[in-house]
Structures are given as C-alpha cells and as structure tokens.
Amino acid sequence: MASASACLEVRGDFPLLERCAAQPLVYLDSAATALKPKAVITAMSHYYERATANVHRGSYPLAEEATEMYEEARMRVAELCNAPYEGTVFTRGTTEAINLVRLSWGRARIGTGDRVVVTEMEHHSNLLPWRALCEDSGAALDIVPVDSQGRLDMQSLLRLLDSGRVKLVAVTHVSNVLGTINPVDSIVSACHEAGAACLIDGAQAVPHLPVDFTAISADFYVWSGHKALGSTGIGVLHADPSILEEMPPLMLGGEMVQGVWPDRVEYKPPPWRFEAGTPPIAEAIGLGAAAEYLLRLGLARVQAHDAVLTEYALARLERVGGITTFGPAIADDRTGVVSFRLDGVHPHDLADLLGRRGICVRAGHHCAQPLSDRIGGPTTRMSFGPYTTTSDIDLCIDGLIEARDHFRSLTAL
C-alpha cells in the first residue's frame, strides 16, 4: 500500500480550482484533459505579451528570442522523457503523431501479407489509423485481448509475433479506461526480437509516471500536451533520429525545407522536416513549462500520489454497494484512473447529477469502444491529477450515494 505521505500539495498552483468559492470544483476528469498550472499560463502569456514573433525565420532579436524559447521548450520536453532532442517532433497531439507515423512510415513499409497488431484496450486514436492503413495496404489487423483483470493477454501477443509476419505493434502504455500500466519494456523487446517495430501511445503515461524513452527503446513514442498539464493543440512524437531520417515529411510547405529549386527540393533534417508551416509556438513554450513543472515535481512522486488516491478510491467505492469497478485490483499496477458502474443508473445520468454538484467525471466509452463493449458497456470514470486530493474523492462518493438513493426512490414509486 502506498503511503499517505506520498500525496502532493500543489493545489495552489492551479488557478481553475479557485473558480467558484460558493461551490468548490471537484475535478476528476484529468484523463480527458489536465488542469494547467500558473507556470504554463505565465509562459504562454509571456510569449504573447513580450516575445511574439515567428520562429526560425527572422534575423532580428525578437525573432531570435522566440526561436530560442521554442527550441528550449523542445529540450525540456525531450528531457522529460529522456528522449533525443533531434528525435522530438512537435505535433498537434497524440492523434496527429500516430497518423504521421502511419502515413510517413507505415505506407512505405507495410503491405499485402503483413500484419499490424493493436490491443483491445486502445484509444480510437491508436486503432482507427492502423485499421485504415491495413485497409489501404492489404495488411491484416490483429487485436490482442484483455483478460478479466484488465491486463493484456501477453501469450496471445507472443503467438502473433511468432508468425514472423508482424511489421508493427501499436500499444498504449496506460489504458485510459482501466488505468492498467502495460509492460512496455517487455513488449518492445519481444517486438524487436521478432523483427517488428513498436509504437507506444503514452498519452496517459507521461503525466503520471517516469517515462524513459531511451530505456524503453520503442521505435515511436507519442503523447499529448494537454493531458500533461500543457495546453491543447500540442503533442509530441519521440523517435530515434535515424528512423526519422528515413521518413519522408508528411506536410509540405514553408519552414521544413533547406532549399527549393525548379527541379528539386532538399528537406531539413529531423525534427524540423516534420513541422511544416508556422508551428504552435505558444503551445510548445507552454508545454516546455509543463515539462519543467513535472520534472521539478518528480514523476516518481506523482506516481506515488496516484497510487494513494487510486487505492483510496477503490476502497471507498467498494463500501458504497452496487458498484462494479474495472481494472487491476492492485493500485500500484495502474495509474489514477478508476472506471466503475453503479447498478441501475446509466453513467450519463450519474455524471449529470454529479456535475450539478460541481463534480466533474467522464461517462461513456471513453473513445475506446471495443474495450467498453468488452467490459459490458459505458462506465463512469474518475481520473486524477497531481492536484487531486482524498477530499475530492470523498465528495464524489457522497454524490454517488445521493444519486444511488435518488434513483432507488424513483424505482420504488
């Protein structure tokens, strides 16, 4: 059991939590998007108020200052995941990063007779692009099932890899429905032994636990800024620069070229060849500030904080009665995501009632419909951030009990 002393005390860093004094905000939807600390808001405001200019183009001091801020942000983001600076590409989010790999890397390497493997717990963003690639290329798509404890069937994955026909395995590091932490080190190692590449969706991992891209050795690792305390509209693709060097750019236009002549074009080296046009400058600077904030906080401390809250939430939900929870029973095997179902109450109705009390939870299939169907349909989801406290969970549980009693009284009429 994680120690209660692992809980963080950072709520004062997040202005939105002071939104309404009359009704405290209980924000339990961090898996959808995280709240933003003052450091991120300040960094983005500073760019707009004191350093606005385009990057990589102007030779005047203001433009050089903006470019330096943008590239320093890339350095902080690479440092957060122990990834190479030249292998850190800014995208608009996890979804765009995955599609970049699909269209630039996948179309050139995957064809008829090949196999692509995903898992039953993937977010649609790490399922639909690979389904489309297989449909376009004539490759086959295989899906690794999830067991009753919310863990991947690793034997099924290994059997697929033994076929010798798998070219790519795309797997989430952490499930956004179950909170399950997948053994990505072992998965990547098995892929490489079988001659397959591996893409890791780290959208739910980077904000919650230490991620070492170099140690994991995945071919591609992708994540979103807005889930990691940064702004919307910014994401990251980490890859070995040598892999990126072999990939053609997806978007063509300004900024990503070294030179253009009537009969030829020379592209910039990675990562800049994948960042055509004016990039999301303020968003990247904000993400750099978010990375610095998380580094200062310490991801090991964030993970311990998650474990405390998850264990507390699971224990409290168990005592409510009529609640079914999903995912690993051991809090240390998951991050701060708890999906559950209350007997006799549709998740959307429950989320609506809780929302009227200022309690923000997510209801539905969470953009992971195959997994939702596997566990019996939509759920209500609590998900935590570094600013979440046990008091937030208590208020949510109080709301659950009130909702349960409310719907029972309606049934009795």
Protein backbone atom coordinates (compact mmCIF):
# COMPACT_ATOMS: atom_id res chain seq x y z
CA MET A 1 0.00 0.00 0.00
CA ALA A 2 1.34 3.45 -0.92
CA SER A 3 1.96 5.80 1.97
CA ALA A 4 -0.46 8.67 2.54
CA SER A 5 2.56 10.93 2.89
CA ALA A 6 3.04 10.49 -0.88
CA CYS A 7 0.11 12.86 -1.54
CA LEU A 8 1.12 16.13 -3.16
CA GLU A 9 0.15 19.61 -2.00
CA VAL A 10 0.11 21.67 -5.19
CA ARG A 11 -3.50 22.87 -5.49
CA GLY A 12 -2.40 26.47 -5.12
CA ASP A 13 -0.53 26.15 -8.41
CA PHE A 14 -3.77 25.60 -10.37
CA PRO A 15 -5.94 28.74 -10.70
CA LEU A 16 -9.03 26.97 -12.05
CA LEU A 17 -9.57 25.28 -8.69
CA GLU A 18 -10.43 28.74 -7.30
CA ARG A 19 -13.10 29.25 -9.96
CA CYS A 20 -16.09 29.45 -7.61
CA ALA A 21 -15.94 29.92 -3.86
CA ALA A 22 -19.65 29.11 -3.45
CA GLN A 23 -19.28 25.61 -4.89
CA PRO A 24 -15.82 24.00 -4.80
CA LEU A 25 -14.72 22.49 -8.09
CA VAL A 26 -14.06 18.75 -7.81
CA TYR A 27 -12.14 18.00 -10.98
CA LEU A 28 -11.91 14.25 -11.59
CA ASP A 29 -11.50 14.22 -15.38
CA SER A 30 -7.74 14.60 -15.80
CA ALA A 31 -7.55 11.67 -18.22
CA ALA A 32 -9.60 13.79 -20.65
CA THR A 33 -7.52 16.91 -20.07
CA ALA A 34 -5.44 18.12 -17.15
CA LEU A 35 -5.68 21.45 -15.39
CA LYS A 36 -2.92 23.96 -16.14
CA PRO A 37 -0.52 25.32 -13.52
CA LYS A 38 0.31 29.01 -13.30
CA ALA A 39 3.76 28.30 -14.72
CA VAL A 40 2.26 27.17 -18.03
CA ILE A 41 -0.19 30.06 -18.24
CA THR A 42 2.57 32.54 -17.42
CA ALA A 43 4.96 31.11 -20.02
CA MET A 44 2.37 31.32 -22.78
CA SER A 45 1.27 34.81 -21.74
CA HIS A 46 4.90 35.95 -21.70
CA TYR A 47 5.33 34.84 -25.31
CA TYR A 48 2.21 36.70 -26.42
CA GLU A 49 2.88 39.82 -24.34
CA ARG A 50 6.67 40.13 -24.55
CA ALA A 51 8.13 37.87 -27.25
CA THR A 52 5.68 37.41 -30.12
CA ALA A 53 7.45 36.65 -33.39
CA ASN A 54 7.64 33.77 -35.82
CA VAL A 55 10.38 31.22 -35.29
CA HIS A 56 13.30 30.01 -37.41
CA ARG A 57 12.84 32.85 -39.90
CA GLY A 58 13.60 36.37 -38.77
CA SER A 59 17.14 37.53 -38.02
CA TYR A 60 16.08 40.38 -35.73
CA PRO A 61 16.45 39.98 -31.93
CA LEU A 62 12.75 39.44 -31.18
CA ALA A 63 12.51 36.56 -33.67
CA GLU A 64 15.72 35.06 -32.34
CA GLU A 65 14.34 35.25 -28.80
CA ALA A 66 11.12 33.48 -29.86
CA THR A 67 13.11 30.79 -31.68
CA GLU A 68 15.29 30.24 -28.62
CA MET A 69 12.21 29.88 -26.40
CA TYR A 70 10.67 27.40 -28.84
CA GLU A 71 13.78 25.22 -29.07
CA GLU A 72 14.40 25.41 -25.32
CA ALA A 73 10.88 24.03 -24.90
CA ARG A 74 11.83 21.11 -27.15
CA MET A 75 14.85 20.47 -24.93
CA ARG A 76 12.69 20.39 -21.77
CA VAL A 77 10.16 18.08 -23.43
CA ALA A 78 12.92 15.72 -24.58
CA GLU A 79 14.42 15.77 -21.09
CA LEU A 80 11.07 14.86 -19.52
CA CYS A 81 11.06 11.53 -21.38
CA ASN A 82 14.85 11.08 -21.70
CA ALA A 83 14.48 11.27 -25.47
CA PRO A 84 16.88 12.70 -28.07
CA TYR A 85 16.40 16.38 -28.86
CA GLU A 86 16.69 15.73 -32.63
CA GLY A 87 14.14 12.93 -32.32
CA THR A 88 11.49 15.07 -30.59
CA VAL A 89 8.87 16.30 -33.06
CA PHE A 90 6.09 18.71 -32.12
CA THR A 91 2.67 17.73 -33.48
CA ARG A 92 -0.88 18.88 -32.72
CA GLY A 93 -1.42 15.93 -30.37
CA THR A 94 -1.15 12.18 -29.95
CA THR A 95 -3.64 11.59 -32.76
CA GLU A 96 -1.62 13.59 -35.29
CA ALA A 97 1.62 11.94 -34.14
CA ILE A 98 0.18 8.46 -34.72
CA ASN A 99 -1.17 9.45 -38.13
CA LEU A 100 2.19 10.96 -39.05
CA VAL A 101 3.80 7.57 -38.39
CA ARG A 102 1.01 5.80 -40.28
CA LEU A 103 1.30 7.94 -43.38
CA SER A 104 5.05 8.58 -43.48
CA TRP A 105 6.49 5.35 -42.08
CA GLY A 106 3.64 2.85 -42.42
CA ARG A 107 2.66 3.39 -46.05
CA ALA A 108 6.24 2.71 -47.17
CA ARG A 109 6.79 -0.42 -45.09
CA ILE A 110 3.52 -2.29 -44.67
CA GLY A 111 1.79 -4.14 -47.50
CA THR A 112 -0.15 -7.21 -48.56
CA GLY A 113 0.57 -10.23 -46.37
CA ASP A 114 1.90 -8.18 -43.47
CA ARG A 115 0.22 -7.91 -40.09
CA VAL A 116 -0.33 -4.98 -37.74
CA VAL A 117 -1.13 -5.71 -34.10
CA VAL A 118 -3.08 -3.48 -31.73
CA THR A 119 -4.76 -4.30 -28.43
CA GLU A 120 -8.32 -4.40 -27.17
CA MET A 121 -7.62 -1.52 -24.79
CA GLU A 122 -6.54 1.04 -27.39
CA HIS A 123 -8.00 4.51 -27.63
CA HIS A 124 -9.63 5.01 -31.04
CA SER A 125 -6.67 7.21 -31.98
CA ASN A 126 -4.38 4.18 -31.77
CA LEU A 127 -6.83 1.84 -33.51
CA LEU A 128 -8.51 3.65 -36.39
CA PRO A 129 -5.29 4.82 -38.12
CA TRP A 130 -3.95 1.25 -38.20
CA ARG A 131 -7.28 -0.15 -39.38
CA ALA A 132 -7.18 2.39 -42.23
CA LEU A 133 -3.56 1.50 -43.06
CA CYS A 134 -4.45 -2.19 -43.28
CA GLU A 135 -7.46 -1.48 -45.47
CA ASP A 136 -5.33 0.64 -47.81
CA SER A 137 -2.32 -1.69 -47.93
CA GLY A 138 -3.87 -5.15 -47.85
CA ALA A 139 -2.28 -5.98 -44.50
CA ALA A 140 -4.19 -7.78 -41.74
CA LEU A 141 -5.09 -6.25 -38.37
CA ASP A 142 -4.86 -8.42 -35.24
CA ILE A 143 -6.19 -7.44 -31.81
CA VAL A 144 -4.67 -8.69 -28.56
CA PRO A 145 -7.42 -9.37 -25.99
CA VAL A 146 -7.67 -8.15 -22.40
CA ASP A 147 -8.20 -10.59 -19.53
CA SER A 148 -10.72 -10.32 -16.69
CA GLN A 149 -8.23 -8.36 -14.57
CA GLY A 150 -7.80 -5.68 -17.20
CA ARG A 151 -4.37 -6.86 -18.33
CA LEU A 152 -3.15 -7.75 -21.81
CA ASP A 153 -3.03 -11.40 -22.83
CA MET A 154 0.73 -11.44 -23.37
CA GLN A 155 0.73 -15.03 -24.63
CA SER A 156 -1.62 -14.01 -27.42
CA LEU A 157 0.74 -11.20 -28.39
CA LEU A 158 3.75 -13.52 -28.39
CA ARG A 159 1.92 -16.05 -30.58
CA LEU A 160 1.17 -13.33 -33.12
CA LEU A 161 4.79 -12.21 -33.12
CA ASP A 162 5.93 -15.80 -33.67
CA SER A 163 4.20 -15.76 -37.06
CA GLY A 164 7.06 -13.66 -38.41
CA ARG A 165 4.62 -11.52 -40.39
CA VAL A 166 4.03 -8.71 -37.89
CA LYS A 167 5.52 -5.41 -39.04
CA LEU A 168 4.16 -3.17 -36.27
CA VAL A 169 2.69 -3.43 -32.79
CA ALA A 170 0.83 -0.34 -31.54
CA VAL A 171 0.02 -0.42 -27.82
CA THR A 172 -0.96 2.02 -25.12
CA HIS A 173 1.43 2.48 -22.22
CA VAL A 174 -1.51 3.11 -19.87
CA SER A 175 -5.19 2.38 -20.52
CA ASN A 176 -7.41 5.45 -20.36
CA VAL A 177 -10.32 3.24 -19.22
CA LEU A 178 -8.71 0.75 -16.84
CA GLY A 179 -5.60 2.61 -15.75
CA THR A 180 -3.58 -0.55 -16.47
CA ILE A 181 0.16 0.05 -16.83
CA ASN A 182 1.34 -2.23 -19.63
CA PRO A 183 4.82 -3.85 -19.57
CA VAL A 184 6.08 -1.80 -22.49
CA ASP A 185 9.73 -2.70 -21.94
CA SER A 186 8.92 -6.41 -22.42
CA ILE A 187 6.58 -5.69 -25.33
CA VAL A 188 9.17 -3.63 -27.21
CA SER A 189 11.84 -6.26 -26.59
CA ALA A 190 9.57 -9.03 -27.92
CA CYS A 191 8.70 -6.93 -30.98
CA HIS A 192 12.31 -6.30 -31.85
CA GLU A 193 13.25 -9.96 -31.40
CA ALA A 194 10.51 -10.78 -33.91
CA GLY A 195 11.66 -8.08 -36.34
CA ALA A 196 8.64 -5.85 -35.71
CA ALA A 197 8.53 -2.15 -34.91
CA CYS A 198 6.64 -0.85 -31.88
CA LEU A 199 4.68 2.36 -31.32
CA ILE A 200 3.71 3.31 -27.76
CA ASP A 201 0.79 5.62 -27.04
CA GLY A 202 1.98 7.43 -23.92
CA ALA A 203 -0.85 9.97 -23.61
CA GLN A 204 -1.92 8.58 -20.22
CA ALA A 205 1.60 7.67 -19.07
CA VAL A 206 3.74 10.79 -19.42
CA PRO A 207 1.68 12.86 -16.93
CA HIS A 208 1.64 10.11 -14.31
CA LEU A 209 4.84 8.08 -14.16
CA PRO A 210 8.53 8.28 -15.09
CA VAL A 211 8.97 7.58 -18.81
CA ASP A 212 12.42 6.76 -20.18
CA PHE A 213 12.19 6.63 -23.96
CA THR A 214 15.81 5.55 -24.32
CA ALA A 215 15.41 2.66 -21.88
CA ILE A 216 12.09 1.53 -23.39
CA SER A 217 13.69 1.60 -26.86
CA ALA A 218 10.37 1.91 -28.69
CA ASP A 219 10.57 2.89 -32.33
CA PHE A 220 7.93 5.57 -31.73
CA TYR A 221 6.55 7.09 -28.53
CA VAL A 222 3.70 9.62 -28.74
CA TRP A 223 1.83 11.78 -26.22
CA SER A 224 -0.34 14.88 -25.81
CA GLY A 225 0.49 18.16 -24.12
CA HIS A 226 -2.98 18.91 -22.75
CA LYS A 227 -3.02 15.72 -20.67
CA ALA A 228 0.42 16.58 -19.26
CA LEU A 229 -0.51 19.98 -17.76
CA GLY A 230 0.17 21.79 -21.04
CA SER A 231 -2.24 23.44 -23.45
CA THR A 232 -4.37 21.92 -26.16
CA GLY A 233 -3.09 21.88 -29.73
CA ILE A 234 0.36 20.45 -28.98
CA GLY A 235 1.68 16.89 -28.91
CA VAL A 236 4.94 15.01 -29.24
CA LEU A 237 6.46 12.24 -31.31
CA HIS A 238 9.69 10.76 -29.95
CA ALA A 239 11.75 8.54 -32.23
CA ASP A 240 15.36 7.72 -32.90
CA PRO A 241 16.65 10.40 -35.31
CA SER A 242 17.94 7.67 -37.63
CA ILE A 243 14.39 6.35 -38.06
CA LEU A 244 13.03 9.84 -38.70
CA GLU A 245 15.82 10.46 -41.21
CA GLU A 246 14.41 7.67 -43.39
CA MET A 247 10.84 9.00 -43.26
CA PRO A 248 9.53 11.49 -45.83
CA PRO A 249 7.78 14.58 -44.48
CA LEU A 250 4.01 14.34 -44.29
CA MET A 251 3.14 18.04 -44.67
CA LEU A 252 4.87 20.13 -47.30
CA GLY A 253 5.29 23.88 -47.35
CA GLY A 254 7.24 26.56 -45.58
CA GLU A 255 9.88 26.11 -42.91
CA MET A 256 10.62 22.40 -43.42
CA VAL A 257 12.97 22.87 -46.38
CA GLN A 258 16.65 23.65 -46.71
CA GLY A 259 16.24 24.78 -50.27
CA VAL A 260 13.83 24.68 -53.20
CA TRP A 261 14.79 24.77 -56.88
CA PRO A 262 12.68 24.35 -60.03
CA ASP A 263 13.74 20.72 -60.38
CA ARG A 264 14.37 19.55 -56.79
CA VAL A 265 13.86 20.17 -53.09
CA GLU A 266 16.06 19.49 -50.10
CA TYR A 267 14.32 18.94 -46.76
CA LYS A 268 15.61 19.89 -43.36
CA PRO A 269 16.81 17.12 -41.05
CA PRO A 270 14.53 15.81 -38.30
CA PRO A 271 12.72 17.02 -36.33
CA TRP A 272 12.15 20.19 -38.36
CA ARG A 273 11.22 18.43 -41.63
CA PHE A 274 8.01 17.29 -39.89
CA GLU A 275 6.98 20.76 -38.69
CA ALA A 276 5.78 22.50 -41.85
CA GLY A 277 4.35 25.99 -41.64
CA THR A 278 4.16 28.19 -38.58
CA PRO A 279 4.24 25.81 -35.62
CA PRO A 280 2.18 26.08 -32.42
CA ILE A 281 4.76 28.37 -30.84
CA ALA A 282 2.96 29.45 -27.68
CA GLU A 283 1.67 25.92 -27.11
CA ALA A 284 5.17 24.48 -27.40
CA ILE A 285 6.52 27.08 -24.96
CA GLY A 286 3.69 26.22 -22.59
CA LEU A 287 4.49 22.51 -22.91
CA GLY A 288 8.12 23.25 -22.10
CA ALA A 289 6.94 24.95 -18.92
CA ALA A 290 4.70 21.96 -18.12
CA ALA A 291 7.64 19.59 -18.62
CA GLU A 292 9.77 21.71 -16.32
CA TYR A 293 6.98 21.72 -13.72
CA LEU A 294 6.67 17.93 -13.85
CA LEU A 295 10.43 17.47 -13.67
CA ARG A 296 10.56 19.71 -10.61
CA LEU A 297 7.63 17.89 -9.04
CA GLY A 298 9.15 14.49 -9.77
CA LEU A 299 7.24 11.85 -11.73
CA ALA A 300 8.02 9.20 -9.12
CA ARG A 301 6.20 11.37 -6.57
CA VAL A 302 3.30 11.85 -8.98
CA GLN A 303 3.06 8.10 -9.47
CA ALA A 304 3.06 7.50 -5.71
CA HIS A 305 0.37 10.18 -5.33
CA ASP A 306 -1.74 8.37 -7.95
CA ALA A 307 -1.34 5.07 -6.13
CA VAL A 308 -2.56 6.55 -2.84
CA LEU A 309 -5.62 8.09 -4.47
CA THR A 310 -6.43 5.00 -6.53
CA GLU A 311 -6.24 2.69 -3.53
CA TYR A 312 -8.38 5.10 -1.52
CA ALA A 313 -10.98 5.43 -4.29
CA LEU A 314 -11.24 1.67 -4.86
CA ALA A 315 -11.71 1.05 -1.13
CA ARG A 316 -14.37 3.74 -0.79
CA LEU A 317 -16.25 2.58 -3.90
CA GLU A 318 -16.31 -0.98 -2.60
CA ARG A 319 -18.17 0.19 0.52
CA VAL A 320 -20.86 2.08 -1.41
CA GLY A 321 -22.70 -1.03 -2.55
CA GLY A 322 -23.95 -1.73 -6.05
CA ILE A 323 -20.67 -0.58 -7.59
CA THR A 324 -18.58 -2.60 -10.05
CA THR A 325 -15.04 -1.35 -10.72
CA PHE A 326 -12.78 -2.30 -13.61
CA GLY A 327 -9.04 -2.75 -13.98
CA PRO A 328 -6.27 -4.30 -11.89
CA ALA A 329 -7.11 -4.74 -8.21
CA ILE A 330 -3.63 -3.61 -7.12
CA ALA A 331 -3.24 0.18 -7.14
CA ASP A 332 0.48 0.02 -7.95
CA ASP A 333 -0.35 -1.78 -11.22
CA ARG A 334 -2.35 1.17 -12.52
CA THR A 335 -2.37 4.94 -12.67
CA GLY A 336 -5.03 7.27 -11.31
CA VAL A 337 -7.93 6.13 -13.49
CA VAL A 338 -10.93 4.39 -11.91
CA SER A 339 -13.85 3.34 -14.12
CA PHE A 340 -16.95 1.94 -12.48
CA ARG A 341 -20.63 1.20 -12.95
CA LEU A 342 -23.45 1.87 -10.47
CA ASP A 343 -26.25 -0.70 -10.64
CA GLY A 344 -29.46 0.65 -12.12
CA VAL A 345 -28.03 4.06 -13.08
CA HIS A 346 -26.82 4.96 -16.56
CA PRO A 347 -23.34 6.52 -16.47
CA HIS A 348 -24.57 9.62 -18.32
CA ASP A 349 -27.32 10.21 -15.75
CA LEU A 350 -24.83 9.74 -12.94
CA ALA A 351 -22.32 12.16 -14.48
CA ASP A 352 -25.09 14.72 -14.96
CA LEU A 353 -26.16 14.54 -11.31
CA LEU A 354 -22.59 14.75 -10.08
CA GLY A 355 -21.92 17.67 -12.40
CA ARG A 356 -24.70 19.67 -10.76
CA ARG A 357 -22.71 19.35 -7.52
CA GLY A 358 -19.55 20.66 -9.19
CA ILE A 359 -18.08 17.17 -9.52
CA CYS A 360 -16.51 16.61 -12.94
CA VAL A 361 -16.35 12.98 -14.10
CA ARG A 362 -16.45 11.36 -17.53
CA ALA A 363 -19.18 8.98 -18.69
CA GLY A 364 -19.36 6.81 -21.81
CA HIS A 365 -17.00 4.53 -23.70
CA HIS A 366 -14.07 6.96 -23.32
CA CYS A 367 -13.08 6.76 -27.01
CA ALA A 368 -12.26 3.09 -26.51
CA GLN A 369 -15.46 1.37 -27.63
CA PRO A 370 -14.06 -2.15 -28.20
CA LEU A 371 -12.82 -2.19 -24.60
CA SER A 372 -16.06 -0.65 -23.36
CA ASP A 373 -18.01 -3.42 -25.09
CA ARG A 374 -15.64 -5.99 -23.59
CA ILE A 375 -16.47 -4.86 -20.04
CA GLY A 376 -20.20 -4.59 -20.63
CA GLY A 377 -20.79 -1.07 -21.88
CA PRO A 378 -20.34 2.54 -20.79
CA THR A 379 -18.83 3.42 -17.42
CA THR A 380 -18.33 6.43 -15.22
CA ARG A 381 -14.68 7.38 -14.80
CA MET A 382 -12.80 9.24 -12.11
CA SER A 383 -9.28 10.27 -13.11
CA PHE A 384 -6.72 12.10 -11.03
CA GLY A 385 -4.03 14.74 -11.40
CA PRO A 386 -1.31 15.99 -9.06
CA TYR A 387 -3.86 18.48 -7.66
CA THR A 388 -6.42 15.78 -6.71
CA THR A 389 -6.99 15.04 -3.02
CA THR A 390 -8.78 12.38 -0.98
CA SER A 391 -11.33 15.10 -0.13
CA ASP A 392 -12.22 15.27 -3.83
CA ILE A 393 -12.87 11.55 -3.80
CA ASP A 394 -14.95 11.83 -0.63
CA LEU A 395 -17.16 14.48 -2.24
CA CYS A 396 -17.60 12.29 -5.30
CA ILE A 397 -18.53 9.29 -3.14
CA ASP A 398 -21.08 11.41 -1.24
CA GLY A 399 -22.57 12.38 -4.60
CA LEU A 400 -22.66 8.74 -5.72
CA ILE A 401 -24.54 7.70 -2.59
CA GLU A 402 -27.04 10.52 -3.07
CA ALA A 403 -27.52 9.55 -6.71
CA ARG A 404 -27.96 5.88 -5.80
CA ASP A 405 -30.57 6.72 -3.20
CA HIS A 406 -32.32 9.15 -5.58
CA PHE A 407 -32.71 6.55 -8.33
CA ARG A 408 -33.76 3.86 -5.86
CA SER A 409 -36.52 6.14 -4.61
CA LEU A 410 -37.72 6.70 -8.18
CA THR A 411 -37.78 2.94 -8.78
CA ALA A 412 -39.83 2.44 -5.64
CA LEU A 413 -42.59 4.80 -6.80
